[in-house]
Amino acid sequence: MTKKKKSGRQETLPVKDYDTKIKYIMDHFNFTKVHDAMLALDWKWQHSNDLEDQTTRVPNIERIKETARYLLYKAATEKERHWGTGGFETRRFMSGELSLMFVLAEYHSCND
């Protein structure tokens, strides 16, 4: 178990009751809306772990859920608090709470 101290707050990994928190998010997140957006935008993911097969297609809802669950698990149990791929972003807050987002567009300023 890793402990971090930042701003007088202590963070413990893994997040307590992360299975319960992930299940709650998975039960309440609107995956149908994400799938509808992906269909409308023709948003494709690669669908094979075989490096020889570079086939892409819009994922089905089950694949979308598997990806979201994996990212939530990583955010809950790994040192890194932010994970993302394919439009999904997960975050772990200092309080131990988790979030799941599907981002269509985002922009940040930078100091160069």
N, C-alpha and C. Protein backbone atom coordinates (compact mmCIF):
# COMPACT_ATOMS: atom_id res chain seq x y z
N MET A 1 0.85 -1.18 0.00
CA MET A 1 0.00 0.00 0.00
C MET A 1 0.89 1.24 0.00
N THR A 2 0.61 2.13 -0.91
CA THR A 2 1.40 3.35 -1.04
C THR A 2 0.65 4.51 -0.41
N LYS A 3 1.38 5.35 0.30
CA LYS A 3 0.77 6.54 0.89
C LYS A 3 1.50 7.77 0.37
N LYS A 4 0.73 8.79 0.05
CA LYS A 4 1.28 10.06 -0.41
C LYS A 4 0.81 11.14 0.52
N LYS A 5 1.66 12.12 0.71
CA LYS A 5 1.24 13.26 1.50
C LYS A 5 1.35 14.49 0.62
N LYS A 6 0.26 15.22 0.50
CA LYS A 6 0.22 16.40 -0.34
C LYS A 6 -0.77 17.38 0.26
N SER A 7 -0.34 18.59 0.43
CA SER A 7 -1.21 19.65 0.97
C SER A 7 -1.83 19.24 2.30
N GLY A 8 -1.11 18.49 3.12
CA GLY A 8 -1.63 18.10 4.43
C GLY A 8 -2.66 16.98 4.35
N ARG A 9 -2.92 16.46 3.17
CA ARG A 9 -3.88 15.37 3.01
C ARG A 9 -3.12 14.09 2.69
N GLN A 10 -3.67 12.98 3.10
CA GLN A 10 -3.01 11.72 2.86
C GLN A 10 -3.86 10.87 1.92
N GLU A 11 -3.22 10.32 0.92
CA GLU A 11 -3.91 9.48 -0.04
C GLU A 11 -3.40 8.05 0.12
N THR A 12 -4.31 7.10 0.12
CA THR A 12 -3.94 5.70 0.28
C THR A 12 -4.37 4.93 -0.96
N LEU A 13 -3.51 4.07 -1.44
CA LEU A 13 -3.83 3.20 -2.58
C LEU A 13 -3.84 1.77 -2.10
N PRO A 14 -4.69 0.90 -2.61
CA PRO A 14 -5.78 1.27 -3.50
C PRO A 14 -6.91 1.97 -2.77
N VAL A 15 -7.79 2.57 -3.55
CA VAL A 15 -8.96 3.27 -3.01
C VAL A 15 -9.81 2.27 -2.24
N LYS A 16 -10.28 2.68 -1.06
CA LYS A 16 -11.15 1.81 -0.28
C LYS A 16 -12.45 1.58 -1.04
N ASP A 17 -12.94 0.35 -1.01
CA ASP A 17 -14.20 -0.04 -1.65
C ASP A 17 -14.24 0.33 -3.13
N TYR A 18 -13.11 0.22 -3.82
CA TYR A 18 -13.12 0.62 -5.22
C TYR A 18 -14.04 -0.25 -6.06
N ASP A 19 -14.22 -1.52 -5.72
CA ASP A 19 -15.15 -2.37 -6.48
C ASP A 19 -16.57 -1.80 -6.41
N THR A 20 -16.97 -1.35 -5.23
CA THR A 20 -18.30 -0.77 -5.04
C THR A 20 -18.43 0.53 -5.83
N LYS A 21 -17.41 1.36 -5.79
CA LYS A 21 -17.44 2.64 -6.51
C LYS A 21 -17.49 2.42 -8.02
N ILE A 22 -16.69 1.48 -8.51
CA ILE A 22 -16.69 1.18 -9.94
C ILE A 22 -18.05 0.62 -10.35
N LYS A 23 -18.61 -0.28 -9.57
CA LYS A 23 -19.92 -0.84 -9.89
C LYS A 23 -20.98 0.26 -9.94
N TYR A 24 -20.94 1.18 -9.00
CA TYR A 24 -21.91 2.28 -8.97
C TYR A 24 -21.82 3.11 -10.25
N ILE A 25 -20.59 3.47 -10.64
CA ILE A 25 -20.42 4.25 -11.87
C ILE A 25 -20.89 3.45 -13.08
N MET A 26 -20.52 2.19 -13.15
CA MET A 26 -20.91 1.36 -14.30
C MET A 26 -22.43 1.20 -14.38
N ASP A 27 -23.09 1.15 -13.24
CA ASP A 27 -24.56 1.01 -13.22
C ASP A 27 -25.28 2.30 -13.60
N HIS A 28 -24.64 3.46 -13.43
CA HIS A 28 -25.33 4.74 -13.62
C HIS A 28 -24.85 5.55 -14.82
N PHE A 29 -23.70 5.23 -15.37
CA PHE A 29 -23.18 5.97 -16.51
C PHE A 29 -24.01 5.62 -17.75
N ASN A 30 -24.25 6.61 -18.61
CA ASN A 30 -25.08 6.39 -19.80
C ASN A 30 -24.21 5.93 -20.98
N PHE A 31 -23.93 4.64 -21.03
CA PHE A 31 -23.12 4.07 -22.10
C PHE A 31 -23.85 4.10 -23.44
N THR A 32 -25.16 4.07 -23.42
CA THR A 32 -25.93 4.16 -24.67
C THR A 32 -25.70 5.50 -25.34
N LYS A 33 -25.64 6.55 -24.55
CA LYS A 33 -25.39 7.89 -25.11
C LYS A 33 -23.99 7.96 -25.73
N VAL A 34 -23.01 7.36 -25.08
CA VAL A 34 -21.65 7.32 -25.63
C VAL A 34 -21.66 6.56 -26.95
N HIS A 35 -22.31 5.41 -26.98
CA HIS A 35 -22.37 4.59 -28.19
C HIS A 35 -23.06 5.36 -29.32
N ASP A 36 -24.16 6.04 -28.99
CA ASP A 36 -24.86 6.85 -29.99
C ASP A 36 -23.94 7.93 -30.57
N ALA A 37 -23.17 8.59 -29.73
CA ALA A 37 -22.24 9.62 -30.19
C ALA A 37 -21.16 9.02 -31.08
N MET A 38 -20.66 7.87 -30.68
CA MET A 38 -19.62 7.21 -31.47
C MET A 38 -20.15 6.79 -32.84
N LEU A 39 -21.37 6.31 -32.87
CA LEU A 39 -21.98 5.96 -34.16
C LEU A 39 -22.16 7.19 -35.03
N ALA A 40 -22.67 8.27 -34.45
CA ALA A 40 -22.92 9.51 -35.20
C ALA A 40 -21.62 10.09 -35.75
N LEU A 41 -20.53 9.97 -35.00
CA LEU A 41 -19.25 10.53 -35.41
C LEU A 41 -18.36 9.53 -36.14
N ASP A 42 -18.86 8.30 -36.27
CA ASP A 42 -18.07 7.22 -36.86
C ASP A 42 -16.72 7.10 -36.14
N TRP A 43 -16.78 7.14 -34.81
CA TRP A 43 -15.61 7.10 -33.92
C TRP A 43 -15.16 5.65 -33.79
N LYS A 44 -14.06 5.30 -34.38
CA LYS A 44 -13.61 3.91 -34.44
C LYS A 44 -12.45 3.64 -33.50
N TRP A 45 -12.44 2.42 -32.98
CA TRP A 45 -11.34 1.92 -32.18
C TRP A 45 -10.72 0.73 -32.91
N GLN A 46 -9.44 0.48 -32.65
CA GLN A 46 -8.82 -0.75 -33.13
C GLN A 46 -9.40 -1.89 -32.31
N HIS A 47 -9.67 -3.01 -32.94
CA HIS A 47 -10.38 -4.08 -32.25
C HIS A 47 -9.63 -5.38 -32.10
N SER A 48 -8.34 -5.34 -32.25
CA SER A 48 -7.60 -6.59 -32.12
C SER A 48 -6.31 -6.34 -31.38
N ASN A 49 -5.92 -7.30 -30.55
CA ASN A 49 -4.63 -7.24 -29.89
C ASN A 49 -3.52 -7.78 -30.80
N ASP A 50 -3.92 -8.30 -31.96
CA ASP A 50 -2.98 -8.82 -32.93
C ASP A 50 -2.38 -7.66 -33.72
N LEU A 51 -1.07 -7.46 -33.62
CA LEU A 51 -0.42 -6.34 -34.30
C LEU A 51 -0.52 -6.44 -35.82
N GLU A 52 -0.77 -7.64 -36.34
CA GLU A 52 -0.94 -7.82 -37.78
C GLU A 52 -2.32 -7.35 -38.24
N ASP A 53 -3.29 -7.30 -37.34
CA ASP A 53 -4.66 -6.93 -37.68
C ASP A 53 -4.93 -5.52 -37.18
N GLN A 54 -5.00 -4.57 -38.08
CA GLN A 54 -5.24 -3.17 -37.71
C GLN A 54 -6.69 -2.76 -37.99
N THR A 55 -7.61 -3.71 -37.95
CA THR A 55 -9.02 -3.44 -38.21
C THR A 55 -9.59 -2.46 -37.19
N THR A 56 -10.33 -1.48 -37.69
CA THR A 56 -11.00 -0.53 -36.79
C THR A 56 -12.49 -0.55 -37.08
N ARG A 57 -13.29 -0.27 -36.04
CA ARG A 57 -14.74 -0.14 -36.18
C ARG A 57 -15.28 0.54 -34.94
N VAL A 58 -16.49 1.03 -35.03
CA VAL A 58 -17.15 1.61 -33.87
C VAL A 58 -17.38 0.47 -32.88
N PRO A 59 -16.96 0.63 -31.63
CA PRO A 59 -17.11 -0.46 -30.66
C PRO A 59 -18.57 -0.65 -30.26
N ASN A 60 -18.89 -1.89 -29.88
CA ASN A 60 -20.23 -2.15 -29.34
C ASN A 60 -20.26 -1.71 -27.87
N ILE A 61 -21.44 -1.68 -27.29
CA ILE A 61 -21.58 -1.19 -25.91
C ILE A 61 -20.79 -2.06 -24.93
N GLU A 62 -20.73 -3.36 -25.17
CA GLU A 62 -19.98 -4.23 -24.26
C GLU A 62 -18.49 -3.87 -24.26
N ARG A 63 -17.93 -3.62 -25.42
CA ARG A 63 -16.51 -3.22 -25.51
C ARG A 63 -16.29 -1.86 -24.85
N ILE A 64 -17.23 -0.95 -25.03
CA ILE A 64 -17.15 0.37 -24.39
C ILE A 64 -17.13 0.22 -22.87
N LYS A 65 -18.00 -0.64 -22.35
CA LYS A 65 -18.06 -0.87 -20.90
C LYS A 65 -16.78 -1.52 -20.38
N GLU A 66 -16.24 -2.49 -21.12
CA GLU A 66 -15.00 -3.14 -20.71
C GLU A 66 -13.87 -2.13 -20.58
N THR A 67 -13.79 -1.22 -21.55
CA THR A 67 -12.74 -0.20 -21.54
C THR A 67 -12.92 0.75 -20.36
N ALA A 68 -14.14 1.19 -20.13
CA ALA A 68 -14.42 2.09 -19.01
C ALA A 68 -14.09 1.42 -17.68
N ARG A 69 -14.49 0.17 -17.51
CA ARG A 69 -14.22 -0.55 -16.26
C ARG A 69 -12.71 -0.69 -16.04
N TYR A 70 -11.97 -1.00 -17.09
CA TYR A 70 -10.52 -1.13 -17.00
C TYR A 70 -9.88 0.19 -16.56
N LEU A 71 -10.29 1.29 -17.18
CA LEU A 71 -9.72 2.60 -16.83
C LEU A 71 -10.06 2.99 -15.39
N LEU A 72 -11.27 2.71 -14.95
CA LEU A 72 -11.66 2.99 -13.57
C LEU A 72 -10.81 2.17 -12.59
N TYR A 73 -10.59 0.92 -12.92
CA TYR A 73 -9.76 0.06 -12.08
C TYR A 73 -8.34 0.62 -11.98
N LYS A 74 -7.78 1.02 -13.13
CA LYS A 74 -6.43 1.58 -13.13
C LYS A 74 -6.36 2.85 -12.28
N ALA A 75 -7.35 3.73 -12.44
CA ALA A 75 -7.36 4.97 -11.66
C ALA A 75 -7.48 4.69 -10.16
N ALA A 76 -8.21 3.65 -9.80
CA ALA A 76 -8.43 3.32 -8.39
C ALA A 76 -7.22 2.64 -7.75
N THR A 77 -6.44 1.92 -8.54
CA THR A 77 -5.42 1.06 -7.93
C THR A 77 -3.98 1.41 -8.27
N GLU A 78 -3.76 2.26 -9.22
CA GLU A 78 -2.40 2.60 -9.64
C GLU A 78 -1.97 3.95 -9.06
N LYS A 79 -0.69 4.20 -9.09
CA LYS A 79 -0.15 5.46 -8.58
C LYS A 79 -0.68 6.65 -9.39
N GLU A 80 -0.71 6.50 -10.71
CA GLU A 80 -1.24 7.56 -11.58
C GLU A 80 -2.73 7.72 -11.33
N ARG A 81 -3.19 8.96 -11.15
CA ARG A 81 -4.59 9.21 -10.80
C ARG A 81 -5.48 9.49 -11.99
N HIS A 82 -4.92 9.65 -13.18
CA HIS A 82 -5.69 9.99 -14.36
C HIS A 82 -5.35 9.00 -15.48
N TRP A 83 -6.38 8.39 -16.05
CA TRP A 83 -6.18 7.43 -17.14
C TRP A 83 -7.17 7.76 -18.25
N GLY A 84 -6.80 7.51 -19.49
CA GLY A 84 -7.72 7.76 -20.57
C GLY A 84 -7.33 7.07 -21.85
N THR A 85 -8.32 6.80 -22.67
CA THR A 85 -8.13 6.26 -24.01
C THR A 85 -9.47 6.30 -24.74
N GLY A 86 -9.41 6.48 -26.05
CA GLY A 86 -10.60 6.37 -26.89
C GLY A 86 -11.72 7.32 -26.57
N GLY A 87 -11.42 8.44 -25.93
CA GLY A 87 -12.45 9.40 -25.54
C GLY A 87 -12.80 9.34 -24.06
N PHE A 88 -12.49 8.22 -23.41
CA PHE A 88 -12.78 8.08 -21.98
C PHE A 88 -11.65 8.65 -21.15
N GLU A 89 -12.02 9.27 -20.03
CA GLU A 89 -11.07 9.72 -19.03
C GLU A 89 -11.59 9.32 -17.66
N THR A 90 -10.69 8.80 -16.84
CA THR A 90 -11.04 8.49 -15.46
C THR A 90 -10.10 9.27 -14.55
N ARG A 91 -10.60 9.61 -13.38
CA ARG A 91 -9.80 10.33 -12.39
C ARG A 91 -10.07 9.79 -11.00
N ARG A 92 -9.03 9.84 -10.19
CA ARG A 92 -9.17 9.53 -8.77
C ARG A 92 -8.86 10.82 -8.02
N PHE A 93 -9.78 11.21 -7.18
CA PHE A 93 -9.60 12.42 -6.38
C PHE A 93 -8.90 12.06 -5.08
N MET A 94 -8.33 13.05 -4.43
CA MET A 94 -7.64 12.83 -3.16
C MET A 94 -8.55 12.18 -2.13
N SER A 95 -9.84 12.44 -2.22
CA SER A 95 -10.81 11.86 -1.29
C SER A 95 -11.03 10.37 -1.52
N GLY A 96 -10.54 9.86 -2.67
CA GLY A 96 -10.76 8.45 -3.00
C GLY A 96 -11.93 8.24 -3.93
N GLU A 97 -12.63 9.31 -4.26
CA GLU A 97 -13.74 9.19 -5.20
C GLU A 97 -13.20 9.03 -6.61
N LEU A 98 -13.99 8.40 -7.47
CA LEU A 98 -13.62 8.16 -8.86
C LEU A 98 -14.60 8.87 -9.78
N SER A 99 -14.13 9.23 -10.98
CA SER A 99 -15.03 9.79 -11.99
C SER A 99 -14.72 9.16 -13.33
N LEU A 100 -15.75 9.11 -14.17
CA LEU A 100 -15.64 8.62 -15.54
C LEU A 100 -16.27 9.66 -16.44
N MET A 101 -15.54 10.03 -17.51
CA MET A 101 -16.04 11.00 -18.48
C MET A 101 -15.80 10.46 -19.87
N PHE A 102 -16.66 10.87 -20.80
CA PHE A 102 -16.40 10.63 -22.21
C PHE A 102 -16.31 12.01 -22.84
N VAL A 103 -15.15 12.34 -23.39
CA VAL A 103 -14.85 13.69 -23.86
C VAL A 103 -14.82 13.72 -25.38
N LEU A 104 -15.67 14.57 -25.94
CA LEU A 104 -15.69 14.73 -27.40
C LEU A 104 -14.66 15.73 -27.87
N ALA A 105 -14.45 16.79 -27.10
CA ALA A 105 -13.47 17.81 -27.46
C ALA A 105 -12.96 18.46 -26.19
N GLU A 106 -11.69 18.87 -26.23
CA GLU A 106 -11.10 19.51 -25.06
C GLU A 106 -9.93 20.34 -25.53
N TYR A 107 -9.65 21.42 -24.85
CA TYR A 107 -8.53 22.27 -25.20
C TYR A 107 -7.94 22.88 -23.94
N HIS A 108 -6.64 22.91 -23.86
CA HIS A 108 -5.95 23.49 -22.72
C HIS A 108 -4.95 24.52 -23.21
N SER A 109 -4.76 25.55 -22.45
CA SER A 109 -3.69 26.50 -22.77
C SER A 109 -2.39 25.93 -22.24
N CYS A 110 -1.30 26.47 -22.73
CA CYS A 110 -0.01 26.03 -22.22
C CYS A 110 0.92 27.23 -22.10
N ASN A 111 1.89 27.09 -21.23
CA ASN A 111 2.87 28.16 -21.02
C ASN A 111 4.15 27.80 -21.75
N ASP A 112 4.32 28.31 -22.95
CA ASP A 112 5.55 28.04 -23.71
C ASP A 112 6.43 29.26 -23.72
